[in-house]
Amino acid sequence: MGRPARFTKTGLIDAATTLSARLGPARVTVAGIAREAGAPVGSVYHRYPSQGALLAEVWLAAAERFQSAALALVAKARNEDDAVECALVTPRFVRSDHATAVVLMTHRRDDFLSPGIPKEYRDRAAKLAADMRTGLATAAARLLPSDPRGREKLAVALIGIPLGAVRIFLPQAVPPPEIDATIAAAVRAALKAP
């Protein structure tokens, strides 16, 4: 039986996430990731074919983690209070994992998904976008059934408002818990707007 891997993909993603949050993805290098993880450079290349593939994995892991939590609540949302809880996923996520939130909420997807990365990464990103569109459309039909602009209102309420509120604090700080009440009030107003 072989020894367990000392340097895992998860550990390398964590190190690359930390560096990306601190420096921005354009300044992250394989040598820097290896240093942050306490791993030899060869261990990085053993697990990822390129720096671009690892950076794509950083963004995708962050987006999948956030979206999984968000869509689980969106799927259960039945009323305005539930919609507010969906919107509050964003500030709670930032407070629970600042570095991952900085990667996801202060950079563009294309900062991490470079043109030369394998197609599988682009396919995962496209699936995330499609799943979010579907989740919002289904929730809008349930929460705002007679509103022809229901999907757009829900997108503003659940994505635009909380993202705008937390980005004021990122990347240097986390939003204080008091911002949740502001987000909640804005979400309720957006859902009731004509």
N, C-alpha and C. Protein backbone atom coordinates (compact mmCIF):
# COMPACT_ATOMS: atom_id res chain seq x y z
N MET A 1 0.84 -1.17 0.00
CA MET A 1 0.00 0.00 0.00
C MET A 1 0.89 1.24 0.00
N GLY A 2 0.60 2.18 -0.88
CA GLY A 2 1.41 3.39 -1.01
C GLY A 2 1.12 4.42 0.07
N ARG A 3 2.01 5.34 0.19
CA ARG A 3 1.82 6.43 1.14
C ARG A 3 0.74 7.39 0.64
N PRO A 4 0.00 7.99 1.56
CA PRO A 4 -0.97 9.01 1.11
C PRO A 4 -0.21 10.23 0.56
N ALA A 5 -0.83 10.88 -0.41
CA ALA A 5 -0.20 12.05 -1.02
C ALA A 5 0.01 13.14 0.03
N ARG A 6 1.18 13.67 0.04
CA ARG A 6 1.49 14.72 1.01
C ARG A 6 0.92 16.07 0.55
N PHE A 7 0.91 16.27 -0.76
CA PHE A 7 0.40 17.52 -1.32
C PHE A 7 -0.80 17.19 -2.20
N THR A 8 -1.98 17.55 -1.72
CA THR A 8 -3.21 17.20 -2.42
C THR A 8 -3.66 18.32 -3.35
N LYS A 9 -4.56 17.96 -4.26
CA LYS A 9 -5.14 18.98 -5.13
C LYS A 9 -5.85 20.04 -4.30
N THR A 10 -6.56 19.61 -3.27
CA THR A 10 -7.26 20.57 -2.41
C THR A 10 -6.29 21.53 -1.74
N GLY A 11 -5.20 21.02 -1.25
CA GLY A 11 -4.19 21.88 -0.62
C GLY A 11 -3.60 22.88 -1.59
N LEU A 12 -3.37 22.44 -2.83
CA LEU A 12 -2.83 23.35 -3.84
C LEU A 12 -3.87 24.40 -4.25
N ILE A 13 -5.13 23.99 -4.35
CA ILE A 13 -6.20 24.96 -4.65
C ILE A 13 -6.30 25.98 -3.53
N ASP A 14 -6.23 25.52 -2.29
CA ASP A 14 -6.29 26.44 -1.15
C ASP A 14 -5.14 27.45 -1.20
N ALA A 15 -3.94 26.96 -1.49
CA ALA A 15 -2.78 27.85 -1.58
C ALA A 15 -2.95 28.84 -2.73
N ALA A 16 -3.41 28.37 -3.87
CA ALA A 16 -3.61 29.24 -5.02
C ALA A 16 -4.73 30.24 -4.76
N THR A 17 -5.75 29.84 -4.03
CA THR A 17 -6.84 30.75 -3.67
C THR A 17 -6.33 31.87 -2.77
N THR A 18 -5.54 31.49 -1.77
CA THR A 18 -4.97 32.48 -0.86
C THR A 18 -4.13 33.50 -1.62
N LEU A 19 -3.27 33.00 -2.50
CA LEU A 19 -2.42 33.91 -3.29
C LEU A 19 -3.23 34.76 -4.25
N SER A 20 -4.22 34.18 -4.89
CA SER A 20 -5.06 34.93 -5.82
C SER A 20 -5.81 36.05 -5.11
N ALA A 21 -6.28 35.76 -3.90
CA ALA A 21 -6.98 36.78 -3.12
C ALA A 21 -6.03 37.90 -2.71
N ARG A 22 -4.82 37.53 -2.36
CA ARG A 22 -3.84 38.51 -1.88
C ARG A 22 -3.22 39.32 -3.02
N LEU A 23 -2.87 38.65 -4.12
CA LEU A 23 -2.10 39.30 -5.20
C LEU A 23 -2.90 39.59 -6.46
N GLY A 24 -4.01 38.89 -6.64
CA GLY A 24 -4.72 38.91 -7.91
C GLY A 24 -4.20 37.79 -8.78
N PRO A 25 -5.05 37.19 -9.61
CA PRO A 25 -4.64 36.02 -10.39
C PRO A 25 -3.50 36.29 -11.36
N ALA A 26 -3.38 37.49 -11.87
CA ALA A 26 -2.33 37.79 -12.85
C ALA A 26 -0.94 37.71 -12.24
N ARG A 27 -0.84 37.85 -10.93
CA ARG A 27 0.48 37.83 -10.27
C ARG A 27 0.79 36.50 -9.60
N VAL A 28 -0.08 35.53 -9.75
CA VAL A 28 0.15 34.22 -9.14
C VAL A 28 1.03 33.38 -10.06
N THR A 29 2.03 32.74 -9.48
CA THR A 29 2.92 31.86 -10.24
C THR A 29 2.89 30.47 -9.64
N VAL A 30 3.32 29.49 -10.40
CA VAL A 30 3.40 28.13 -9.89
C VAL A 30 4.40 28.08 -8.74
N ALA A 31 5.50 28.79 -8.86
CA ALA A 31 6.49 28.81 -7.77
C ALA A 31 5.88 29.40 -6.50
N GLY A 32 5.08 30.44 -6.65
CA GLY A 32 4.42 31.05 -5.49
C GLY A 32 3.41 30.11 -4.86
N ILE A 33 2.67 29.40 -5.68
CA ILE A 33 1.69 28.43 -5.17
C ILE A 33 2.42 27.33 -4.40
N ALA A 34 3.50 26.82 -4.99
CA ALA A 34 4.27 25.77 -4.34
C ALA A 34 4.81 26.26 -2.99
N ARG A 35 5.33 27.48 -2.97
CA ARG A 35 5.84 28.05 -1.73
C ARG A 35 4.74 28.17 -0.68
N GLU A 36 3.58 28.69 -1.09
CA GLU A 36 2.45 28.87 -0.17
C GLU A 36 1.97 27.52 0.39
N ALA A 37 2.01 26.48 -0.45
CA ALA A 37 1.56 25.15 -0.03
C ALA A 37 2.65 24.37 0.69
N GLY A 38 3.89 24.87 0.63
CA GLY A 38 5.01 24.14 1.21
C GLY A 38 5.33 22.89 0.40
N ALA A 39 5.11 22.98 -0.91
CA ALA A 39 5.29 21.83 -1.80
C ALA A 39 6.36 22.13 -2.84
N PRO A 40 6.97 21.09 -3.38
CA PRO A 40 7.89 21.31 -4.51
C PRO A 40 7.08 21.70 -5.75
N VAL A 41 7.69 22.48 -6.62
CA VAL A 41 7.04 22.90 -7.86
C VAL A 41 6.56 21.68 -8.65
N GLY A 42 7.35 20.62 -8.64
CA GLY A 42 6.97 19.41 -9.37
C GLY A 42 5.66 18.82 -8.90
N SER A 43 5.33 18.99 -7.62
CA SER A 43 4.06 18.48 -7.10
C SER A 43 2.87 19.22 -7.71
N VAL A 44 3.07 20.50 -7.99
CA VAL A 44 1.99 21.28 -8.63
C VAL A 44 1.77 20.74 -10.03
N TYR A 45 2.85 20.60 -10.79
CA TYR A 45 2.72 20.12 -12.17
C TYR A 45 2.31 18.65 -12.24
N HIS A 46 2.55 17.90 -11.18
CA HIS A 46 2.11 16.50 -11.15
C HIS A 46 0.58 16.42 -11.08
N ARG A 47 -0.03 17.43 -10.48
CA ARG A 47 -1.49 17.41 -10.28
C ARG A 47 -2.26 18.25 -11.29
N TYR A 48 -1.60 19.25 -11.86
CA TYR A 48 -2.24 20.13 -12.84
C TYR A 48 -1.32 20.30 -14.04
N PRO A 49 -1.88 20.26 -15.24
CA PRO A 49 -1.04 20.34 -16.43
C PRO A 49 -0.40 21.70 -16.66
N SER A 50 -1.00 22.74 -16.04
CA SER A 50 -0.46 24.09 -16.25
C SER A 50 -0.95 25.02 -15.14
N GLN A 51 -0.32 26.16 -15.08
CA GLN A 51 -0.76 27.19 -14.15
C GLN A 51 -2.19 27.61 -14.48
N GLY A 52 -2.49 27.73 -15.76
CA GLY A 52 -3.84 28.10 -16.19
C GLY A 52 -4.90 27.13 -15.72
N ALA A 53 -4.57 25.83 -15.78
CA ALA A 53 -5.52 24.82 -15.32
C ALA A 53 -5.76 24.94 -13.81
N LEU A 54 -4.72 25.20 -13.06
CA LEU A 54 -4.86 25.35 -11.62
C LEU A 54 -5.66 26.60 -11.28
N LEU A 55 -5.40 27.71 -11.96
CA LEU A 55 -6.18 28.92 -11.71
C LEU A 55 -7.63 28.74 -12.10
N ALA A 56 -7.89 28.02 -13.19
CA ALA A 56 -9.28 27.72 -13.56
C ALA A 56 -9.95 26.92 -12.45
N GLU A 57 -9.23 25.97 -11.91
CA GLU A 57 -9.77 25.15 -10.82
C GLU A 57 -10.05 26.00 -9.59
N VAL A 58 -9.23 27.00 -9.32
CA VAL A 58 -9.45 27.90 -8.19
C VAL A 58 -10.80 28.59 -8.34
N TRP A 59 -11.03 29.19 -9.51
CA TRP A 59 -12.29 29.92 -9.72
C TRP A 59 -13.48 28.96 -9.71
N LEU A 60 -13.34 27.84 -10.39
CA LEU A 60 -14.46 26.89 -10.48
C LEU A 60 -14.81 26.32 -9.11
N ALA A 61 -13.80 25.98 -8.31
CA ALA A 61 -14.07 25.46 -6.97
C ALA A 61 -14.81 26.50 -6.13
N ALA A 62 -14.40 27.76 -6.24
CA ALA A 62 -15.06 28.83 -5.50
C ALA A 62 -16.50 29.00 -5.98
N ALA A 63 -16.69 29.04 -7.28
CA ALA A 63 -18.03 29.24 -7.83
C ALA A 63 -18.94 28.05 -7.51
N GLU A 64 -18.41 26.84 -7.62
CA GLU A 64 -19.23 25.66 -7.32
C GLU A 64 -19.64 25.63 -5.85
N ARG A 65 -18.72 25.98 -4.99
CA ARG A 65 -19.03 25.98 -3.56
C ARG A 65 -20.12 27.02 -3.23
N PHE A 66 -19.93 28.24 -3.73
CA PHE A 66 -20.91 29.28 -3.47
C PHE A 66 -22.25 28.94 -4.09
N GLN A 67 -22.24 28.55 -5.34
CA GLN A 67 -23.48 28.30 -6.06
C GLN A 67 -24.25 27.12 -5.48
N SER A 68 -23.55 26.12 -5.00
CA SER A 68 -24.21 24.99 -4.37
C SER A 68 -25.05 25.44 -3.17
N ALA A 69 -24.45 26.29 -2.33
CA ALA A 69 -25.16 26.80 -1.16
C ALA A 69 -26.32 27.70 -1.59
N ALA A 70 -26.07 28.57 -2.56
CA ALA A 70 -27.10 29.51 -3.00
C ALA A 70 -28.28 28.80 -3.65
N LEU A 71 -28.00 27.89 -4.58
CA LEU A 71 -29.09 27.24 -5.29
C LEU A 71 -29.88 26.27 -4.41
N ALA A 72 -29.25 25.72 -3.39
CA ALA A 72 -30.00 24.86 -2.46
C ALA A 72 -31.11 25.68 -1.79
N LEU A 73 -30.80 26.91 -1.40
CA LEU A 73 -31.82 27.76 -0.79
C LEU A 73 -32.82 28.28 -1.83
N VAL A 74 -32.33 28.64 -3.00
CA VAL A 74 -33.23 29.13 -4.06
C VAL A 74 -34.27 28.07 -4.40
N ALA A 75 -33.86 26.81 -4.44
CA ALA A 75 -34.79 25.73 -4.77
C ALA A 75 -35.90 25.57 -3.74
N LYS A 76 -35.64 25.97 -2.51
CA LYS A 76 -36.63 25.84 -1.44
C LYS A 76 -37.44 27.11 -1.21
N ALA A 77 -37.05 28.20 -1.84
CA ALA A 77 -37.69 29.50 -1.58
C ALA A 77 -39.16 29.49 -1.99
N ARG A 78 -40.01 29.88 -1.04
CA ARG A 78 -41.45 29.89 -1.30
C ARG A 78 -42.09 31.25 -1.03
N ASN A 79 -41.34 32.16 -0.39
CA ASN A 79 -41.92 33.46 -0.05
C ASN A 79 -40.80 34.50 0.06
N GLU A 80 -41.20 35.71 0.39
CA GLU A 80 -40.25 36.82 0.47
C GLU A 80 -39.17 36.57 1.54
N ASP A 81 -39.56 36.02 2.68
CA ASP A 81 -38.58 35.73 3.73
C ASP A 81 -37.53 34.73 3.24
N ASP A 82 -37.97 33.74 2.48
CA ASP A 82 -37.03 32.77 1.91
C ASP A 82 -36.09 33.44 0.92
N ALA A 83 -36.63 34.37 0.13
CA ALA A 83 -35.79 35.09 -0.83
C ALA A 83 -34.72 35.90 -0.11
N VAL A 84 -35.09 36.52 1.00
CA VAL A 84 -34.11 37.27 1.78
C VAL A 84 -33.00 36.34 2.26
N GLU A 85 -33.37 35.16 2.74
CA GLU A 85 -32.36 34.19 3.18
C GLU A 85 -31.44 33.80 2.04
N CYS A 86 -31.99 33.68 0.84
CA CYS A 86 -31.15 33.38 -0.33
C CYS A 86 -30.13 34.49 -0.57
N ALA A 87 -30.56 35.73 -0.46
CA ALA A 87 -29.66 36.86 -0.68
C ALA A 87 -28.58 36.92 0.39
N LEU A 88 -28.91 36.51 1.60
CA LEU A 88 -27.95 36.58 2.69
C LEU A 88 -26.87 35.51 2.62
N VAL A 89 -26.99 34.59 1.68
CA VAL A 89 -25.92 33.62 1.45
C VAL A 89 -24.62 34.36 1.12
N THR A 90 -24.73 35.45 0.37
CA THR A 90 -23.54 36.16 -0.09
C THR A 90 -22.72 36.74 1.06
N PRO A 91 -23.29 37.58 1.93
CA PRO A 91 -22.44 38.09 3.01
C PRO A 91 -21.98 37.01 3.97
N ARG A 92 -22.79 36.00 4.17
CA ARG A 92 -22.38 34.90 5.06
C ARG A 92 -21.22 34.12 4.47
N PHE A 93 -21.25 33.92 3.16
CA PHE A 93 -20.17 33.24 2.48
C PHE A 93 -18.87 34.03 2.61
N VAL A 94 -18.96 35.35 2.43
CA VAL A 94 -17.78 36.20 2.55
C VAL A 94 -17.19 36.10 3.96
N ARG A 95 -18.05 36.10 4.95
CA ARG A 95 -17.57 36.03 6.33
C ARG A 95 -17.00 34.64 6.65
N SER A 96 -17.49 33.62 6.01
CA SER A 96 -17.01 32.26 6.32
C SER A 96 -15.73 31.90 5.59
N ASP A 97 -15.48 32.49 4.42
CA ASP A 97 -14.27 32.16 3.65
C ASP A 97 -13.86 33.37 2.81
N HIS A 98 -13.17 34.27 3.47
CA HIS A 98 -12.82 35.55 2.86
C HIS A 98 -12.02 35.38 1.57
N ALA A 99 -10.99 34.56 1.58
CA ALA A 99 -10.14 34.42 0.39
C ALA A 99 -10.93 33.90 -0.81
N THR A 100 -11.75 32.90 -0.59
CA THR A 100 -12.56 32.35 -1.68
C THR A 100 -13.54 33.40 -2.19
N ALA A 101 -14.12 34.16 -1.29
CA ALA A 101 -15.05 35.21 -1.69
C ALA A 101 -14.35 36.29 -2.49
N VAL A 102 -13.13 36.66 -2.12
CA VAL A 102 -12.38 37.66 -2.87
C VAL A 102 -12.15 37.16 -4.29
N VAL A 103 -11.75 35.90 -4.42
CA VAL A 103 -11.53 35.32 -5.76
C VAL A 103 -12.80 35.42 -6.58
N LEU A 104 -13.91 35.05 -6.00
CA LEU A 104 -15.17 34.95 -6.73
C LEU A 104 -15.84 36.30 -6.96
N MET A 105 -15.72 37.20 -6.02
CA MET A 105 -16.54 38.41 -6.06
C MET A 105 -15.80 39.69 -6.41
N THR A 106 -14.48 39.64 -6.52
CA THR A 106 -13.76 40.86 -6.90
C THR A 106 -13.02 40.72 -8.22
N HIS A 107 -13.02 39.53 -8.78
CA HIS A 107 -12.35 39.30 -10.06
C HIS A 107 -13.36 38.79 -11.08
N ARG A 108 -13.02 38.93 -12.33
CA ARG A 108 -13.86 38.40 -13.40
C ARG A 108 -13.53 36.92 -13.61
N ARG A 109 -14.50 36.18 -14.04
CA ARG A 109 -14.28 34.77 -14.36
C ARG A 109 -13.13 34.60 -15.33
N ASP A 110 -13.08 35.47 -16.33
CA ASP A 110 -12.04 35.35 -17.36
C ASP A 110 -10.64 35.67 -16.84
N ASP A 111 -10.53 36.26 -15.65
CA ASP A 111 -9.22 36.45 -15.04
C ASP A 111 -8.61 35.09 -14.65
N PHE A 112 -9.47 34.11 -14.48
CA PHE A 112 -9.03 32.76 -14.08
C PHE A 112 -9.15 31.75 -15.20
N LEU A 113 -10.08 31.95 -16.11
CA LEU A 113 -10.28 30.99 -17.20
C LEU A 113 -9.62 31.52 -18.47
N SER A 114 -8.33 31.31 -18.56
CA SER A 114 -7.56 31.81 -19.70
C SER A 114 -7.93 31.04 -20.97
N PRO A 115 -7.70 31.65 -22.13
CA PRO A 115 -8.08 31.02 -23.40
C PRO A 115 -7.49 29.63 -23.64
N GLY A 116 -6.31 29.35 -23.11
CA GLY A 116 -5.66 28.09 -23.41
C GLY A 116 -6.00 26.92 -22.50
N ILE A 117 -6.93 27.10 -21.57
CA ILE A 117 -7.22 26.01 -20.63
C ILE A 117 -8.01 24.90 -21.32
N PRO A 118 -7.94 23.69 -20.78
CA PRO A 118 -8.71 22.58 -21.37
C PRO A 118 -10.21 22.87 -21.39
N LYS A 119 -10.87 22.32 -22.39
CA LYS A 119 -12.31 22.53 -22.61
C LYS A 119 -13.14 22.13 -21.39
N GLU A 120 -12.71 21.13 -20.66
CA GLU A 120 -13.50 20.67 -19.51
C GLU A 120 -13.74 21.79 -18.51
N TYR A 121 -12.79 22.70 -18.36
CA TYR A 121 -12.97 23.82 -17.43
C TYR A 121 -14.01 24.80 -17.95
N ARG A 122 -13.96 25.08 -19.24
CA ARG A 122 -14.96 25.98 -19.83
C ARG A 122 -16.35 25.35 -19.76
N ASP A 123 -16.42 24.04 -19.97
CA ASP A 123 -17.71 23.34 -19.88
C ASP A 123 -18.29 23.43 -18.47
N ARG A 124 -17.45 23.28 -17.46
CA ARG A 124 -17.92 23.39 -16.07
C ARG A 124 -18.43 24.81 -15.79
N ALA A 125 -17.73 25.82 -16.30
CA ALA A 125 -18.16 27.21 -16.11
C ALA A 125 -19.50 27.46 -16.81
N ALA A 126 -19.65 26.92 -18.02
CA ALA A 126 -20.91 27.08 -18.75
C ALA A 126 -22.06 26.40 -18.01
N LYS A 127 -21.80 25.24 -17.43
CA LYS A 127 -22.84 24.53 -16.68
C LYS A 127 -23.25 25.32 -15.44
N LEU A 128 -22.27 25.92 -14.77
CA LEU A 128 -22.60 26.76 -13.61
C LEU A 128 -23.53 27.90 -14.02
N ALA A 129 -23.21 28.57 -15.10
CA ALA A 129 -24.04 29.68 -15.56
C ALA A 129 -25.44 29.20 -15.93
N ALA A 130 -25.52 28.08 -16.63
CA ALA A 130 -26.83 27.54 -17.01
C ALA A 130 -27.64 27.12 -15.80
N ASP A 131 -27.00 26.49 -14.84
CA ASP A 131 -27.70 26.07 -13.62
C ASP A 131 -28.25 27.27 -12.85
N MET A 132 -27.47 28.36 -12.80
CA MET A 132 -27.94 29.57 -12.11
C MET A 132 -29.13 30.17 -12.83
N ARG A 133 -29.06 30.25 -14.16
CA ARG A 133 -30.19 30.79 -14.93
C ARG A 133 -31.45 29.96 -14.70
N THR A 134 -31.29 28.65 -14.74
CA THR A 134 -32.44 27.76 -14.55
C THR A 134 -33.00 27.89 -13.13
N GLY A 135 -32.12 27.91 -12.16
CA GLY A 135 -32.56 28.04 -10.77
C GLY A 135 -33.32 29.33 -10.54
N LEU A 136 -32.82 30.44 -11.08
CA LEU A 136 -33.51 31.73 -10.92
C LEU A 136 -34.84 31.76 -11.66
N ALA A 137 -34.87 31.20 -12.86
CA ALA A 137 -36.11 31.19 -13.63
C ALA A 137 -37.18 30.37 -12.92
N THR A 138 -36.80 29.22 -12.39
CA THR A 138 -37.76 28.36 -11.68
C THR A 138 -38.26 29.05 -10.42
N ALA A 139 -37.35 29.67 -9.67
CA ALA A 139 -37.74 30.37 -8.45
C ALA A 139 -38.62 31.57 -8.77
N ALA A 140 -38.31 32.29 -9.84
CA ALA A 140 -39.12 33.45 -10.22
C ALA A 140 -40.53 33.04 -10.57
N ALA A 141 -40.67 31.93 -11.26
CA ALA A 141 -42.01 31.44 -11.61
C ALA A 141 -42.81 31.10 -10.35
N ARG A 142 -42.12 30.67 -9.33
CA ARG A 142 -42.77 30.30 -8.07
C ARG A 142 -43.03 31.52 -7.18
N LEU A 143 -42.06 32.44 -7.10
CA LEU A 143 -42.15 33.58 -6.19
C LEU A 143 -42.87 34.79 -6.78
N LEU A 144 -42.72 34.99 -8.07
CA LEU A 144 -43.31 36.15 -8.74
C LEU A 144 -44.05 35.69 -10.00
N PRO A 145 -45.05 34.81 -9.84
CA PRO A 145 -45.65 34.16 -11.00
C PRO A 145 -46.35 35.09 -11.99
N SER A 146 -46.88 36.20 -11.52
CA SER A 146 -47.61 37.08 -12.44
C SER A 146 -46.76 38.25 -12.94
N ASP A 147 -45.51 38.28 -12.56
CA ASP A 147 -44.62 39.39 -12.95
C ASP A 147 -43.80 39.00 -14.18
N PRO A 148 -44.03 39.68 -15.31
CA PRO A 148 -43.28 39.32 -16.52
C PRO A 148 -41.77 39.58 -16.39
N ARG A 149 -41.40 40.42 -15.43
CA ARG A 149 -39.99 40.70 -15.19
C ARG A 149 -39.48 39.98 -13.94
N GLY A 150 -40.18 38.95 -13.53
CA GLY A 150 -39.86 38.24 -12.30
C GLY A 150 -38.43 37.72 -12.23
N ARG A 151 -37.96 37.14 -13.32
CA ARG A 151 -36.60 36.58 -13.30
C ARG A 151 -35.55 37.68 -13.13
N GLU A 152 -35.74 38.80 -13.82
CA GLU A 152 -34.79 39.90 -13.70
C GLU A 152 -34.84 40.50 -12.29
N LYS A 153 -36.05 40.67 -11.74
CA LYS A 153 -36.17 41.19 -10.37
C LYS A 153 -35.48 40.28 -9.38
N LEU A 154 -35.68 38.97 -9.55
CA LEU A 154 -35.06 38.02 -8.64
C LEU A 154 -33.54 38.04 -8.78
N ALA A 155 -33.04 38.18 -10.00
CA ALA A 155 -31.59 38.26 -10.20
C ALA A 155 -31.02 39.49 -9.51
N VAL A 156 -31.70 40.62 -9.62
CA VAL A 156 -31.24 41.83 -8.94
C VAL A 156 -31.27 41.62 -7.43
N ALA A 157 -32.38 41.04 -6.94
CA ALA A 157 -32.55 40.86 -5.49
C ALA A 157 -31.56 39.86 -4.90
N LEU A 158 -31.34 38.75 -5.58
CA LEU A 158 -30.53 37.68 -5.00
C LEU A 158 -29.06 37.74 -5.39
N ILE A 159 -28.74 38.43 -6.48
CA ILE A 159 -27.35 38.51 -6.93
C ILE A 159 -26.83 39.95 -6.85
N GLY A 160 -27.50 40.85 -7.54
CA GLY A 160 -27.00 42.22 -7.65
C GLY A 160 -26.90 42.96 -6.33
N ILE A 161 -27.95 42.93 -5.54
CA ILE A 161 -27.95 43.67 -4.28
C ILE A 161 -26.91 43.13 -3.30
N PRO A 162 -26.92 41.83 -2.99
CA PRO A 162 -25.92 41.37 -2.03
C PRO A 162 -24.48 41.48 -2.53
N LEU A 163 -24.27 41.24 -3.82
CA LEU A 163 -22.92 41.37 -4.36
C LEU A 163 -22.43 42.81 -4.27
N GLY A 164 -23.28 43.74 -4.63
CA GLY A 164 -22.91 45.15 -4.53
C GLY A 164 -22.60 45.55 -3.10
N ALA A 165 -23.38 45.04 -2.17
CA ALA A 165 -23.18 45.39 -0.76
C ALA A 165 -21.86 44.85 -0.22
N VAL A 166 -21.50 43.63 -0.57
CA VAL A 166 -20.26 43.07 -0.01
C VAL A 166 -19.01 43.57 -0.73
N ARG A 167 -19.15 43.91 -1.99
CA ARG A 167 -17.96 44.35 -2.75
C ARG A 167 -17.40 45.66 -2.24
N ILE A 168 -18.21 46.43 -1.55
CA ILE A 168 -17.72 47.67 -0.96
C ILE A 168 -16.60 47.38 0.04
N PHE A 169 -16.67 46.24 0.70
CA PHE A 169 -15.71 45.88 1.74
C PHE A 169 -14.52 45.08 1.21
N LEU A 170 -14.73 44.35 0.12
CA LEU A 170 -13.70 43.47 -0.41
C LEU A 170 -12.70 44.23 -1.27
N PRO A 171 -11.46 43.81 -1.32
CA PRO A 171 -10.88 42.61 -0.72
C PRO A 171 -10.31 42.82 0.68
N GLN A 172 -10.25 44.05 1.16
CA GLN A 172 -9.55 44.30 2.41
C GLN A 172 -10.27 43.77 3.64
N ALA A 173 -11.57 43.81 3.66
CA ALA A 173 -12.32 43.48 4.89
C ALA A 173 -13.52 42.61 4.56
N VAL A 174 -14.14 42.12 5.61
CA VAL A 174 -15.40 41.38 5.46
C VAL A 174 -16.54 42.32 5.83
N PRO A 175 -17.71 42.12 5.24
CA PRO A 175 -18.83 42.99 5.59
C PRO A 175 -19.28 42.72 7.03
N PRO A 176 -19.59 43.76 7.77
CA PRO A 176 -20.05 43.55 9.14
C PRO A 176 -21.44 42.91 9.14
N PRO A 177 -21.80 42.21 10.18
CA PRO A 177 -23.13 41.58 10.24
C PRO A 177 -24.28 42.57 10.05
N GLU A 178 -24.06 43.83 10.41
CA GLU A 178 -25.11 44.83 10.29
C GLU A 178 -25.54 45.06 8.84
N ILE A 179 -24.67 44.73 7.89
CA ILE A 179 -25.02 44.94 6.48
C ILE A 179 -26.15 44.01 6.05
N ASP A 180 -26.34 42.91 6.77
CA ASP A 180 -27.40 41.96 6.41
C ASP A 180 -28.78 42.61 6.43
N ALA A 181 -29.04 43.47 7.41
CA ALA A 181 -30.34 44.14 7.49
C ALA A 181 -30.55 45.07 6.30
N THR A 182 -29.49 45.71 5.86
CA THR A 182 -29.57 46.60 4.70
C THR A 182 -29.88 45.78 3.45
N ILE A 183 -29.18 44.66 3.30
CA ILE A 183 -29.43 43.78 2.16
C ILE A 183 -30.87 43.28 2.19
N ALA A 184 -31.33 42.84 3.35
CA ALA A 184 -32.69 42.31 3.48
C ALA A 184 -33.72 43.37 3.07
N ALA A 185 -33.56 44.60 3.54
CA ALA A 185 -34.51 45.66 3.20
C ALA A 185 -34.49 45.95 1.70
N ALA A 186 -33.30 45.97 1.11
CA ALA A 186 -33.19 46.23 -0.33
C ALA A 186 -33.82 45.10 -1.14
N VAL A 187 -33.63 43.87 -0.70
CA VAL A 187 -34.22 42.72 -1.40
C VAL A 187 -35.74 42.81 -1.36
N ARG A 188 -36.28 43.09 -0.19
CA ARG A 188 -37.75 43.21 -0.08
C ARG A 188 -38.28 44.33 -1.00
N ALA A 189 -37.57 45.45 -1.03
CA ALA A 189 -38.00 46.55 -1.90
C ALA A 189 -37.90 46.15 -3.37
N ALA A 190 -36.85 45.47 -3.75
CA ALA A 190 -36.69 45.06 -5.16
C ALA A 190 -37.78 44.10 -5.59
N LEU A 191 -38.16 43.19 -4.72
CA LEU A 191 -39.21 42.23 -5.07
C LEU A 191 -40.58 42.87 -5.19
N LYS A 192 -40.78 43.98 -4.48
CA LYS A 192 -42.08 44.67 -4.52
C LYS A 192 -42.14 45.76 -5.57
N ALA A 193 -41.01 46.08 -6.17
CA ALA A 193 -40.98 47.16 -7.16
C ALA A 193 -41.92 46.86 -8.32
N PRO A 194 -42.53 47.92 -8.88
CA PRO A 194 -43.46 47.69 -10.01
C PRO A 194 -42.72 47.21 -11.25
